Amino acid sequence: MSDDRLIIFDTTLRDGEQSPGASMTRDEKVRIAKVLERMRVDVIEAGFPIASPDDFEGVSAVARAVTDSVVCGLARALERDIDRAGEAIKPAKAGRIHTFIATSPIHMAHKLRMEPDQVVEQAVKAVHHARRYTDDVEFSAEDAGRSEVDFLCRIIEAAIEAGARTINIPDTVGYNLPGQFGTLIEALLNRIPNADKAVFSVHCHNDLGLAVANSLSAVQAGARQVECTINGLGERAGNAALEEIVMTVRTRRDMFACDTGIDTTQIVPASRLVSTITGFPVQPNKAIVGANAFAHESGIHQDGVLKSRETYEIMRAEDVGWTANRIVLGKHSGRNALRTRLKELGIEFASEEELNDAFTRFKVLADKKHEIFDEDLQALVSETVASETGQHVLVSMRVCSETGEVPLAKVTLSVYGEERSAESAGSGPVDATFRAIEAIVDSKAQLQLYSVNNITSGTDAQGEVTVRMERSGRIVNGQGADTDIVIASAKAYLSALDKLASVVQRAHPQLGDV
């Protein structure tokens, strides 16, 4: 890899999935992975195989589906973790094992309860073991941002000697400042004798809002891989946002001696897909992918942009995927037209039955909306996939809301194939609907968040609702979309109930955030 190439390592499917409620099914992981591949992401970290059978299957499915990107599995510096990761990435055309161990004094003393010499020995053994499965081994010094530089130099030199091709320096708790973190990377590159034998990587968390700044400072200091996620998704305050890293390096070539191989026109589609699947909406003022990222309301700004775009825009909206792409199909359009457009969006169905289901939903939507946008199709496909395994299905609902009267909802559900009905009053139509659903299912779950976003513009736009629910410490997000926001709310609530009812529960071993 030449020194002017910045490797993009996407961990949306692994670290991004650790956001409370953001867990993804195997098929959802594959959908996102295919979009990342089309974006030309260099490395896709698909999951943590030892965490659960579901995680293992997710990594393995991505390994089978992706051919142009390296598929990576995470593993603690333990043989059983590494063996599981090695099996999961086995189908990949190009596979990587990413193994890690904590290196900060506080982690070694209180979490690992190991002496520094033992930590070095464990790291070396882990790298050697991982090389049984692949020559592409990455080693991470967890909590490197709070580790002693002398010890980092020692353990990294040993890991490279053992065969690690990539060395990752994580700011695990988002503690560092940009100047400090860049200085650390520069010191490691200068002090470690065999530093030239590996690519140095960074993985920064956003606890202080500095993940992107710290990552870019590291790149300027010589790091040539950045670990990041779509929309900055991730545990706690999230990770460095892929779109911000890529576009900063691309836009400020005067300040960076490198560039990525990313197809930036795929950034917005990827952002929308991840948002739809995880139920984490993108705030309007989010850089690059927010709805207002290229909007100008100020008269002075509007005048300047009309005269010369560069006065107030440093990037072209089209370069990151903000286009007017749309498919205008109606109830008379055929399955082939729908199939063709979905394929262009990177969506293919496993069976004709799934396509037929999607087409039926499409025709219902086409009766309600004059224009069907790509975002509508993404939501429609997510709904189609969810319906395949839905245990709580909305059969019918009637909601009455009028001035001066208490709103009333009557809901009929199919619960595990059995139809049940209930009605309830509420403080509003959505509250009444949720109360009616609870009268049927008695989930004993707590509603933690209720969020509404429009998928596209216009009064006939679909509303996308996200609900976050918690039961017995397990947090899930449910999503629903419809031109009727109350129906969308019911769908989202039922989606969350399906996830809570799932027998597969993710139970990550203690791994920190890497």
Protein backbone atom coordinates (compact mmCIF):
# COMPACT_ATOMS: atom_id res chain seq x y z
CA MET A 1 0.00 0.00 0.00
CA SER A 2 1.52 3.33 -1.05
CA ASP A 3 2.07 6.02 1.57
CA ASP A 4 -0.34 8.40 -0.18
CA ARG A 5 -3.30 6.01 0.27
CA LEU A 6 -5.45 6.30 3.38
CA ILE A 7 -7.14 2.98 4.19
CA ILE A 8 -10.76 3.25 5.32
CA PHE A 9 -11.70 0.59 7.87
CA ASP A 10 -15.44 0.66 8.48
CA THR A 11 -16.70 -0.74 11.77
CA THR A 12 -20.39 0.18 11.46
CA LEU A 13 -21.35 -3.49 11.61
CA ARG A 14 -19.30 -4.10 14.75
CA ASP A 15 -18.70 -1.01 16.88
CA GLY A 16 -21.66 0.81 15.35
CA GLU A 17 -23.89 -2.10 16.30
CA GLN A 18 -22.85 -1.70 19.94
CA SER A 19 -25.00 1.45 20.17
CA PRO A 20 -27.90 0.57 22.50
CA GLY A 21 -30.76 -0.63 20.31
CA ALA A 22 -28.75 -0.68 17.08
CA SER A 23 -28.38 -4.44 16.72
CA MET A 24 -28.76 -5.70 13.16
CA THR A 25 -29.94 -8.98 11.72
CA ARG A 26 -27.71 -11.06 9.49
CA ASP A 27 -29.56 -9.90 6.37
CA GLU A 28 -29.36 -6.26 7.44
CA LYS A 29 -25.61 -6.61 7.93
CA VAL A 30 -25.27 -8.01 4.42
CA ARG A 31 -27.32 -5.14 2.96
CA ILE A 32 -25.08 -2.56 4.61
CA ALA A 33 -21.91 -4.49 3.70
CA LYS A 34 -22.89 -4.51 0.02
CA VAL A 35 -23.33 -0.73 0.11
CA LEU A 36 -19.95 -0.34 1.83
CA GLU A 37 -18.40 -2.54 -0.84
CA ARG A 38 -19.95 -0.40 -3.56
CA MET A 39 -18.51 2.64 -1.79
CA ARG A 40 -15.09 0.93 -2.09
CA VAL A 41 -14.43 0.71 1.64
CA ASP A 42 -11.09 -1.08 2.08
CA VAL A 43 -11.90 -3.12 5.20
CA ILE A 44 -15.33 -4.03 6.62
CA GLU A 45 -15.28 -5.12 10.26
CA ALA A 46 -18.38 -7.31 10.18
CA GLY A 47 -18.70 -8.20 13.85
CA PHE A 48 -17.36 -9.95 16.93
CA PRO A 49 -17.86 -13.66 16.19
CA ILE A 50 -17.38 -14.99 19.72
CA ALA A 51 -20.16 -12.71 21.05
CA SER A 52 -23.04 -14.92 19.96
CA PRO A 53 -24.08 -17.43 17.30
CA ASP A 54 -25.98 -14.57 15.63
CA ASP A 55 -22.81 -12.46 15.47
CA PHE A 56 -20.84 -15.38 14.06
CA GLU A 57 -23.46 -15.97 11.35
CA GLY A 58 -23.50 -12.27 10.53
CA VAL A 59 -19.74 -12.14 9.96
CA SER A 60 -19.82 -15.36 7.96
CA ALA A 61 -22.69 -14.09 5.79
CA VAL A 62 -20.83 -10.85 5.04
CA ALA A 63 -17.70 -12.87 4.24
CA ARG A 64 -19.68 -14.85 1.67
CA ALA A 65 -21.41 -11.80 0.17
CA VAL A 66 -18.47 -9.40 -0.19
CA THR A 67 -15.68 -9.88 -2.71
CA ASP A 68 -14.06 -6.46 -3.24
CA SER A 69 -13.42 -5.44 0.39
CA VAL A 70 -11.45 -7.19 3.12
CA VAL A 71 -13.83 -8.74 5.69
CA CYS A 72 -12.63 -8.54 9.28
CA GLY A 73 -13.65 -10.24 12.51
CA LEU A 74 -12.81 -8.92 15.98
CA ALA A 75 -11.28 -11.12 18.68
CA ARG A 76 -9.85 -10.63 22.12
CA ALA A 77 -6.30 -11.89 22.55
CA LEU A 78 -7.67 -15.32 23.43
CA GLU A 79 -7.35 -18.51 21.39
CA ARG A 80 -11.08 -19.31 21.53
CA ASP A 81 -11.96 -15.83 20.26
CA ILE A 82 -9.41 -16.05 17.46
CA ASP A 83 -10.53 -19.54 16.44
CA ARG A 84 -14.12 -18.32 16.19
CA ALA A 85 -13.10 -15.28 14.16
CA GLY A 86 -10.97 -17.44 11.88
CA GLU A 87 -13.92 -19.72 11.16
CA ALA A 88 -16.26 -16.77 10.55
CA ILE A 89 -14.02 -15.10 7.94
CA LYS A 90 -13.14 -18.39 6.23
CA PRO A 91 -15.54 -17.82 3.27
CA ALA A 92 -14.06 -14.36 2.55
CA LYS A 93 -12.04 -13.72 -0.58
CA ALA A 94 -9.82 -11.59 1.66
CA GLY A 95 -10.11 -11.91 5.44
CA ARG A 96 -8.56 -10.19 8.43
CA ILE A 97 -8.48 -10.98 12.15
CA HIS A 98 -8.40 -7.97 14.46
CA THR A 99 -7.17 -8.98 17.90
CA PHE A 100 -6.72 -6.70 20.89
CA ILE A 101 -5.68 -6.43 24.50
CA ALA A 102 -5.75 -3.50 26.93
CA THR A 103 -2.47 -1.65 27.51
CA SER A 104 -3.28 1.25 29.87
CA PRO A 105 -2.25 0.90 33.53
CA ILE A 106 -5.86 1.24 34.71
CA HIS A 107 -7.12 -1.47 32.34
CA MET A 108 -4.24 -3.86 32.99
CA ALA A 109 -4.60 -3.51 36.77
CA HIS A 110 -8.39 -3.45 37.18
CA LYS A 111 -9.84 -5.24 34.14
CA LEU A 112 -7.20 -7.73 33.04
CA ARG A 113 -5.47 -8.06 36.42
CA MET A 114 -2.28 -8.85 34.56
CA GLU A 115 1.29 -7.60 34.79
CA PRO A 116 2.74 -5.73 31.76
CA ASP A 117 5.03 -8.67 30.90
CA GLN A 118 2.00 -10.98 30.80
CA VAL A 119 0.12 -8.57 28.54
CA VAL A 120 3.00 -8.48 26.05
CA GLU A 121 3.25 -12.28 26.09
CA GLN A 122 -0.51 -12.62 25.53
CA ALA A 123 -0.44 -10.15 22.61
CA VAL A 124 2.37 -12.01 20.87
CA LYS A 125 0.65 -15.38 21.33
CA ALA A 126 -2.58 -13.92 19.93
CA VAL A 127 -0.92 -12.57 16.79
CA HIS A 128 0.91 -15.86 16.20
CA HIS A 129 -2.34 -17.79 16.63
CA ALA A 130 -4.28 -15.48 14.31
CA ARG A 131 -1.72 -16.01 11.57
CA ARG A 132 -2.81 -19.64 11.40
CA TYR A 133 -5.95 -18.35 9.69
CA THR A 134 -4.71 -15.36 7.70
CA ASP A 135 -1.60 -13.33 7.00
CA ASP A 136 -3.67 -10.17 7.45
CA VAL A 137 -3.62 -9.67 11.22
CA GLU A 138 -4.36 -6.40 12.98
CA PHE A 139 -3.33 -5.77 16.58
CA SER A 140 -4.98 -3.14 18.79
CA ALA A 141 -3.65 -1.75 22.04
CA GLU A 142 -6.96 -1.03 23.77
CA ASP A 143 -7.03 2.30 25.62
CA ALA A 144 -3.77 3.30 23.95
CA GLY A 145 -4.77 6.94 24.47
CA ARG A 146 -4.19 6.50 28.21
CA SER A 147 -1.25 4.08 27.96
CA GLU A 148 2.39 4.79 28.76
CA VAL A 149 4.35 5.52 25.59
CA ASP A 150 7.31 3.33 26.57
CA PHE A 151 5.03 0.33 27.11
CA LEU A 152 3.18 1.01 23.84
CA CYS A 153 6.48 1.01 21.98
CA ARG A 154 7.44 -2.29 23.58
CA ILE A 155 4.19 -4.18 22.92
CA ILE A 156 3.74 -2.82 19.38
CA GLU A 157 7.29 -3.75 18.40
CA ALA A 158 6.63 -7.28 19.69
CA ALA A 159 3.29 -7.51 17.84
CA ILE A 160 4.88 -6.43 14.55
CA GLU A 161 7.69 -8.91 15.09
CA ALA A 162 5.05 -11.61 15.63
CA GLY A 163 3.49 -10.80 12.25
CA ALA A 164 0.87 -8.06 12.73
CA ARG A 165 0.52 -6.10 9.49
CA THR A 166 -1.65 -3.36 10.97
CA ILE A 167 -1.24 -1.66 14.34
CA ASN A 168 -4.26 0.14 15.73
CA ILE A 169 -3.96 2.92 18.30
CA PRO A 170 -7.41 3.46 19.83
CA ASP A 171 -8.54 6.43 21.86
CA THR A 172 -10.98 4.07 23.53
CA VAL A 173 -12.67 6.52 25.87
CA GLY A 174 -12.36 9.66 23.72
CA TYR A 175 -9.94 11.22 26.20
CA ASN A 176 -7.27 12.68 23.94
CA LEU A 177 -6.96 16.11 22.33
CA PRO A 178 -5.96 16.42 18.66
CA GLY A 179 -2.45 17.82 19.23
CA GLN A 180 -1.77 15.27 21.95
CA PHE A 181 -2.99 12.34 19.85
CA GLY A 182 -1.04 13.39 16.76
CA THR A 183 2.10 13.71 18.87
CA LEU A 184 1.55 10.18 20.21
CA ILE A 185 1.31 8.70 16.70
CA GLU A 186 4.40 10.58 15.58
CA ALA A 187 6.34 9.35 18.63
CA LEU A 188 5.37 5.73 18.00
CA LEU A 189 6.33 5.90 14.33
CA ASN A 190 9.70 7.41 15.19
CA ARG A 191 10.58 5.28 18.22
CA ILE A 192 9.48 1.77 17.20
CA PRO A 193 12.34 0.18 15.19
CA ASN A 194 10.11 -1.95 12.93
CA ALA A 195 7.30 0.61 12.54
CA ASP A 196 7.86 0.62 8.78
CA LYS A 197 6.74 -3.04 8.65
CA ALA A 198 3.11 -2.21 9.52
CA VAL A 199 0.33 0.23 8.68
CA PHE A 200 -0.52 2.39 11.67
CA SER A 201 -4.23 2.84 12.31
CA VAL A 202 -6.40 4.89 14.67
CA HIS A 203 -9.83 4.25 16.20
CA CYS A 204 -11.18 7.30 18.02
CA HIS A 205 -14.29 7.65 20.13
CA ASN A 206 -16.38 10.80 20.32
CA ASP A 207 -16.97 11.28 24.05
CA LEU A 208 -15.67 14.86 23.88
CA GLY A 209 -16.75 15.43 20.28
CA LEU A 210 -13.15 15.05 19.06
CA ALA A 211 -13.14 11.68 17.27
CA VAL A 212 -12.81 13.13 13.77
CA ALA A 213 -10.32 15.82 14.84
CA ASN A 214 -8.15 13.26 16.66
CA SER A 215 -8.26 10.88 13.68
CA LEU A 216 -7.25 13.61 11.24
CA SER A 217 -4.43 14.77 13.51
CA ALA A 218 -3.16 11.18 13.52
CA VAL A 219 -3.32 11.02 9.72
CA GLN A 220 -1.26 14.20 9.48
CA ALA A 221 1.25 12.56 11.83
CA GLY A 222 1.58 9.49 9.60
CA ALA A 223 -1.29 7.10 10.39
CA ARG A 224 -2.54 5.49 7.18
CA GLN A 225 -5.70 3.71 8.32
CA VAL A 226 -8.72 5.26 10.03
CA GLU A 227 -11.38 3.15 11.73
CA CYS A 228 -14.74 4.86 11.45
CA THR A 229 -18.48 4.33 11.02
CA ILE A 230 -21.30 5.62 8.85
CA ASN A 231 -22.99 8.60 10.55
CA GLY A 232 -20.49 8.30 13.42
CA LEU A 233 -22.58 5.45 14.86
CA GLY A 234 -21.11 3.68 17.86
CA GLU A 235 -21.08 3.01 21.57
CA ARG A 236 -21.72 5.95 23.92
CA ALA A 237 -21.18 9.15 21.88
CA GLY A 238 -20.07 7.17 18.83
CA ASN A 239 -17.02 6.89 16.60
CA ALA A 240 -15.30 9.05 14.02
CA ALA A 241 -17.75 9.58 11.14
CA LEU A 242 -16.56 7.99 7.90
CA GLU A 243 -18.14 10.70 5.76
CA GLU A 244 -16.38 13.49 7.66
CA ILE A 245 -12.98 11.77 7.54
CA VAL A 246 -13.22 11.03 3.82
CA MET A 247 -14.49 14.44 2.75
CA THR A 248 -12.06 16.39 4.93
CA VAL A 249 -9.09 14.55 3.44
CA ARG A 250 -10.56 14.91 -0.06
CA THR A 251 -11.43 18.60 0.33
CA ARG A 252 -8.22 19.68 2.10
CA ARG A 253 -5.64 18.02 -0.09
CA ASP A 254 -3.41 20.99 0.68
CA MET A 255 -3.15 19.71 4.26
CA PHE A 256 -3.04 15.94 3.74
CA ALA A 257 -0.41 13.94 1.90
CA CYS A 258 -2.88 11.15 1.19
CA ASP A 259 -6.36 10.39 -0.11
CA THR A 260 -8.85 7.54 0.09
CA GLY A 261 -10.18 5.31 -2.67
CA ILE A 262 -13.79 5.89 -1.57
CA ASP A 263 -16.53 6.48 -4.14
CA THR A 264 -17.96 9.50 -2.34
CA THR A 265 -21.20 9.49 -4.36
CA GLN A 266 -22.26 6.48 -2.27
CA ILE A 267 -21.96 8.34 1.05
CA VAL A 268 -25.52 9.70 1.30
CA PRO A 269 -27.17 6.42 0.19
CA ALA A 270 -25.10 4.55 2.79
CA SER A 271 -26.03 7.08 5.46
CA ARG A 272 -29.72 6.70 4.71
CA LEU A 273 -29.58 2.91 4.72
CA VAL A 274 -27.77 2.75 8.07
CA SER A 275 -30.20 5.25 9.55
CA THR A 276 -33.20 3.26 8.29
CA ILE A 277 -31.92 -0.10 9.54
CA THR A 278 -30.71 1.06 12.95
CA GLY A 279 -33.45 3.59 13.61
CA PHE A 280 -30.89 6.27 14.48
CA PRO A 281 -31.97 9.40 12.55
CA VAL A 282 -29.38 11.81 11.18
CA GLN A 283 -29.78 15.28 12.67
CA PRO A 284 -30.47 17.91 9.99
CA ASN A 285 -27.30 19.89 10.68
CA LYS A 286 -25.00 16.84 10.58
CA ALA A 287 -21.96 17.51 8.39
CA ILE A 288 -22.02 15.99 4.90
CA VAL A 289 -25.15 13.84 5.28
CA GLY A 290 -27.57 16.05 7.24
CA ALA A 291 -30.59 17.42 5.38
CA ASN A 292 -29.31 20.98 5.90
CA ALA A 293 -25.68 20.25 5.03
CA PHE A 294 -25.96 22.04 1.69
CA ALA A 295 -28.96 24.28 2.43
CA HIS A 296 -28.67 28.08 2.46
CA GLU A 297 -31.35 30.21 4.10
CA SER A 298 -29.44 33.45 4.58
CA GLY A 299 -30.07 35.87 1.72
CA ILE A 300 -26.40 36.81 1.62
CA HIS A 301 -25.39 33.13 1.35
CA GLN A 302 -28.02 32.42 -1.31
CA ASP A 303 -26.85 35.37 -3.38
CA GLY A 304 -23.23 34.34 -3.08
CA VAL A 305 -23.89 30.71 -4.06
CA LEU A 306 -25.94 31.78 -7.08
CA LYS A 307 -23.07 33.99 -8.28
CA SER A 308 -20.33 31.47 -7.50
CA ARG A 309 -20.84 28.21 -5.64
CA GLU A 310 -17.40 28.39 -4.00
CA THR A 311 -18.36 31.49 -2.01
CA TYR A 312 -20.19 29.39 0.59
CA GLU A 313 -19.79 25.76 -0.51
CA ILE A 314 -16.48 23.93 -0.23
CA MET A 315 -17.93 20.68 -1.63
CA ARG A 316 -20.47 19.83 -4.30
CA ALA A 317 -23.59 18.16 -2.98
CA GLU A 318 -23.53 15.78 -5.96
CA ASP A 319 -20.06 14.54 -4.97
CA VAL A 320 -21.37 12.93 -1.78
CA GLY A 321 -24.55 11.52 -3.28
CA TRP A 322 -27.06 14.32 -2.82
CA THR A 323 -28.94 13.92 -6.07
CA ALA A 324 -32.49 14.09 -7.30
CA ASN A 325 -32.47 10.36 -8.03
CA ARG A 326 -36.02 9.09 -8.00
CA ILE A 327 -38.14 6.40 -9.51
CA VAL A 328 -41.56 7.52 -10.65
CA LEU A 329 -43.64 4.38 -10.81
CA GLY A 330 -47.35 3.93 -10.35
CA LYS A 331 -49.79 1.15 -9.79
CA HIS A 332 -49.48 0.10 -13.45
CA SER A 333 -45.69 -0.37 -13.29
CA GLY A 334 -44.33 -3.90 -13.41
CA ARG A 335 -42.19 -6.00 -11.12
CA ASN A 336 -39.21 -5.76 -13.47
CA ALA A 337 -39.04 -1.96 -13.18
CA LEU A 338 -39.05 -2.24 -9.40
CA ARG A 339 -36.51 -5.07 -9.43
CA THR A 340 -34.20 -3.07 -11.76
CA ARG A 341 -34.21 0.06 -9.60
CA LEU A 342 -33.70 -1.91 -6.41
CA LYS A 343 -30.74 -3.68 -8.00
CA GLU A 344 -29.25 -0.28 -8.86
CA LEU A 345 -29.60 0.54 -5.16
CA GLY A 346 -27.76 -2.67 -4.27
CA ILE A 347 -30.88 -4.51 -3.11
CA GLU A 348 -31.67 -8.01 -4.35
CA PHE A 349 -34.20 -10.45 -2.93
CA ALA A 350 -33.41 -14.04 -2.08
CA SER A 351 -36.71 -15.30 -3.49
CA GLU A 352 -39.56 -14.35 -5.81
CA GLU A 353 -41.87 -14.42 -2.79
CA GLU A 354 -39.91 -11.59 -1.15
CA LEU A 355 -39.99 -9.60 -4.39
CA ASN A 356 -43.72 -10.18 -4.73
CA ASP A 357 -44.27 -9.00 -1.15
CA ALA A 358 -42.21 -5.87 -1.81
CA PHE A 359 -44.09 -5.25 -5.05
CA THR A 360 -47.45 -5.53 -3.30
CA ARG A 361 -46.33 -2.98 -0.71
CA PHE A 362 -44.95 -0.80 -3.49
CA LYS A 363 -48.29 -0.70 -5.29
CA VAL A 364 -50.11 0.20 -2.07
CA LEU A 365 -47.62 3.04 -1.54
CA ALA A 366 -47.89 4.16 -5.16
CA ASP A 367 -51.61 4.65 -4.65
CA LYS A 368 -50.85 7.06 -1.81
CA LYS A 369 -47.85 8.95 -3.25
CA HIS A 370 -47.38 10.60 -6.63
CA GLU A 371 -43.60 10.04 -6.64
CA ILE A 372 -41.65 7.19 -5.09
CA PHE A 373 -38.13 8.21 -4.07
CA ASP A 374 -35.14 5.97 -3.39
CA GLU A 375 -35.56 6.64 0.33
CA ASP A 376 -39.11 5.30 0.11
CA LEU A 377 -37.80 2.14 -1.50
CA GLN A 378 -35.21 1.63 1.24
CA ALA A 379 -37.93 1.90 3.89
CA LEU A 380 -40.21 -0.39 1.89
CA VAL A 381 -37.52 -3.07 1.63
CA SER A 382 -36.77 -2.86 5.36
CA GLU A 383 -40.47 -3.36 6.05
CA THR A 384 -40.64 -6.30 3.63
CA VAL A 385 -37.67 -8.04 5.27
CA ALA A 386 -39.10 -7.43 8.76
CA SER A 387 -42.46 -8.87 7.74
CA GLU A 388 -40.85 -12.19 6.87
CA THR A 389 -40.20 -12.92 10.54
CA GLY A 390 -42.77 -10.62 12.17
CA GLN A 391 -44.45 -12.21 15.18
CA HIS A 392 -46.64 -9.16 15.89
CA VAL A 393 -48.48 -8.05 12.74
CA LEU A 394 -50.87 -5.13 12.43
CA VAL A 395 -54.14 -6.41 10.94
CA SER A 396 -56.26 -3.28 11.30
CA MET A 397 -56.63 -0.17 13.39
CA ARG A 398 -59.13 2.63 13.84
CA VAL A 399 -58.18 5.83 15.62
CA CYS A 400 -60.55 8.67 16.49
CA SER A 401 -59.16 12.08 17.45
CA GLU A 402 -61.23 15.24 17.59
CA THR A 403 -61.15 18.55 19.37
CA GLY A 404 -62.48 18.37 22.92
CA GLU A 405 -62.70 14.58 22.97
CA VAL A 406 -60.34 11.96 24.38
CA PRO A 407 -58.58 10.10 21.51
CA LEU A 408 -59.58 6.46 21.16
CA ALA A 409 -57.82 3.63 19.29
CA LYS A 410 -59.05 0.16 18.38
CA VAL A 411 -56.30 -2.22 17.22
CA THR A 412 -56.37 -5.76 15.84
CA LEU A 413 -53.10 -7.69 15.79
CA SER A 414 -51.96 -11.11 14.65
CA VAL A 415 -49.83 -12.38 17.53
CA TYR A 416 -48.02 -15.57 16.58
CA GLY A 417 -50.78 -16.21 14.07
CA GLU A 418 -53.70 -15.58 16.44
CA GLU A 419 -55.87 -12.49 15.94
CA ARG A 420 -56.55 -10.37 19.02
CA SER A 421 -58.22 -6.98 19.45
CA ALA A 422 -58.31 -4.25 22.07
CA GLU A 423 -59.21 -0.60 22.35
CA SER A 424 -57.92 2.12 24.61
CA ALA A 425 -58.07 5.85 25.23
CA GLY A 426 -54.95 7.99 25.42
CA SER A 427 -53.62 11.52 25.65
CA GLY A 428 -53.20 11.52 21.86
CA PRO A 429 -53.80 9.16 18.94
CA VAL A 430 -50.32 7.61 19.19
CA ASP A 431 -50.58 7.16 22.96
CA ALA A 432 -54.01 5.54 22.54
CA THR A 433 -52.62 3.21 19.87
CA PHE A 434 -49.69 2.12 22.04
CA ARG A 435 -52.00 1.54 25.01
CA ALA A 436 -54.29 -0.61 22.85
CA ILE A 437 -51.32 -2.67 21.66
CA GLU A 438 -50.15 -3.15 25.24
CA ALA A 439 -53.65 -4.26 26.25
CA ILE A 440 -53.15 -7.13 23.78
CA VAL A 441 -49.50 -8.09 24.33
CA ASP A 442 -48.70 -6.92 27.90
CA SER A 443 -45.00 -6.70 27.00
CA LYS A 444 -43.91 -5.14 30.31
CA ALA A 445 -41.44 -3.05 28.27
CA GLN A 446 -40.69 0.60 28.92
CA LEU A 447 -40.85 3.14 26.06
CA GLN A 448 -37.63 5.16 26.21
CA LEU A 449 -37.77 7.15 22.99
CA TYR A 450 -40.30 8.12 20.33
CA SER A 451 -39.01 9.92 17.26
CA VAL A 452 -40.62 10.97 13.96
CA ASN A 453 -38.80 11.95 10.77
CA ASN A 454 -40.03 12.54 7.27
CA ILE A 455 -38.40 10.22 4.74
CA THR A 456 -38.83 12.65 1.84
CA SER A 457 -40.35 16.10 1.36
CA GLY A 458 -43.96 17.01 0.66
CA THR A 459 -47.25 16.58 2.46
CA ASP A 460 -47.61 13.07 1.02
CA ALA A 461 -44.21 12.02 2.37
CA GLN A 462 -43.86 8.87 4.40
CA GLY A 463 -43.16 9.42 8.05
CA GLU A 464 -40.52 7.20 9.61
CA VAL A 465 -41.04 6.49 13.29
CA THR A 466 -38.45 5.10 15.68
CA VAL A 467 -39.31 3.77 19.11
CA ARG A 468 -36.75 2.63 21.66
CA MET A 469 -37.92 0.11 24.24
CA GLU A 470 -36.28 -1.54 27.22
CA ARG A 471 -37.12 -4.73 29.07
CA SER A 472 -34.96 -6.49 31.65
CA GLY A 473 -31.93 -4.46 30.62
CA ARG A 474 -32.30 -5.22 26.91
CA ILE A 475 -32.73 -2.17 24.67
CA VAL A 476 -34.07 -2.36 21.13
CA ASN A 477 -35.12 0.08 18.42
CA GLY A 478 -38.17 -0.49 16.26
CA GLN A 479 -38.92 1.30 12.98
CA GLY A 480 -42.06 1.81 10.94
CA ALA A 481 -42.91 3.90 7.89
CA ASP A 482 -46.19 5.01 6.40
CA THR A 483 -47.85 8.08 4.94
CA ASP A 484 -50.08 7.94 8.04
CA ILE A 485 -47.88 8.74 11.03
CA VAL A 486 -50.13 6.89 13.52
CA ILE A 487 -49.93 3.70 11.46
CA ALA A 488 -46.16 4.19 11.17
CA SER A 489 -46.04 4.49 14.96
CA ALA A 490 -47.92 1.23 15.42
CA LYS A 491 -45.57 -0.53 12.97
CA ALA A 492 -42.53 0.79 14.84
CA TYR A 493 -43.91 -0.38 18.19
CA LEU A 494 -44.59 -3.85 16.80
CA SER A 495 -41.12 -3.96 15.23
CA ALA A 496 -39.61 -3.32 18.65
CA LEU A 497 -41.80 -6.01 20.22
CA ASP A 498 -40.56 -8.51 17.62
CA LYS A 499 -36.97 -7.72 18.55
CA LEU A 500 -37.69 -8.07 22.26
CA ALA A 501 -39.34 -11.42 21.58
CA SER A 502 -36.32 -12.71 19.70
CA VAL A 503 -34.76 -15.73 21.39
CA VAL A 504 -31.27 -14.70 20.29
CA GLN A 505 -29.94 -12.15 22.71
CA ARG A 506 -26.63 -10.41 22.12
CA ALA A 507 -24.33 -10.81 25.09
CA HIS A 508 -20.98 -9.27 24.24
CA PRO A 509 -18.09 -10.48 26.34
CA GLN A 510 -16.22 -7.72 28.13
CA LEU A 511 -14.30 -6.07 25.34
CA GLY A 512 -14.29 -2.36 26.04
CA ASP A 513 -14.67 -0.34 22.87
CA VAL A 514 -11.28 -1.03 21.26
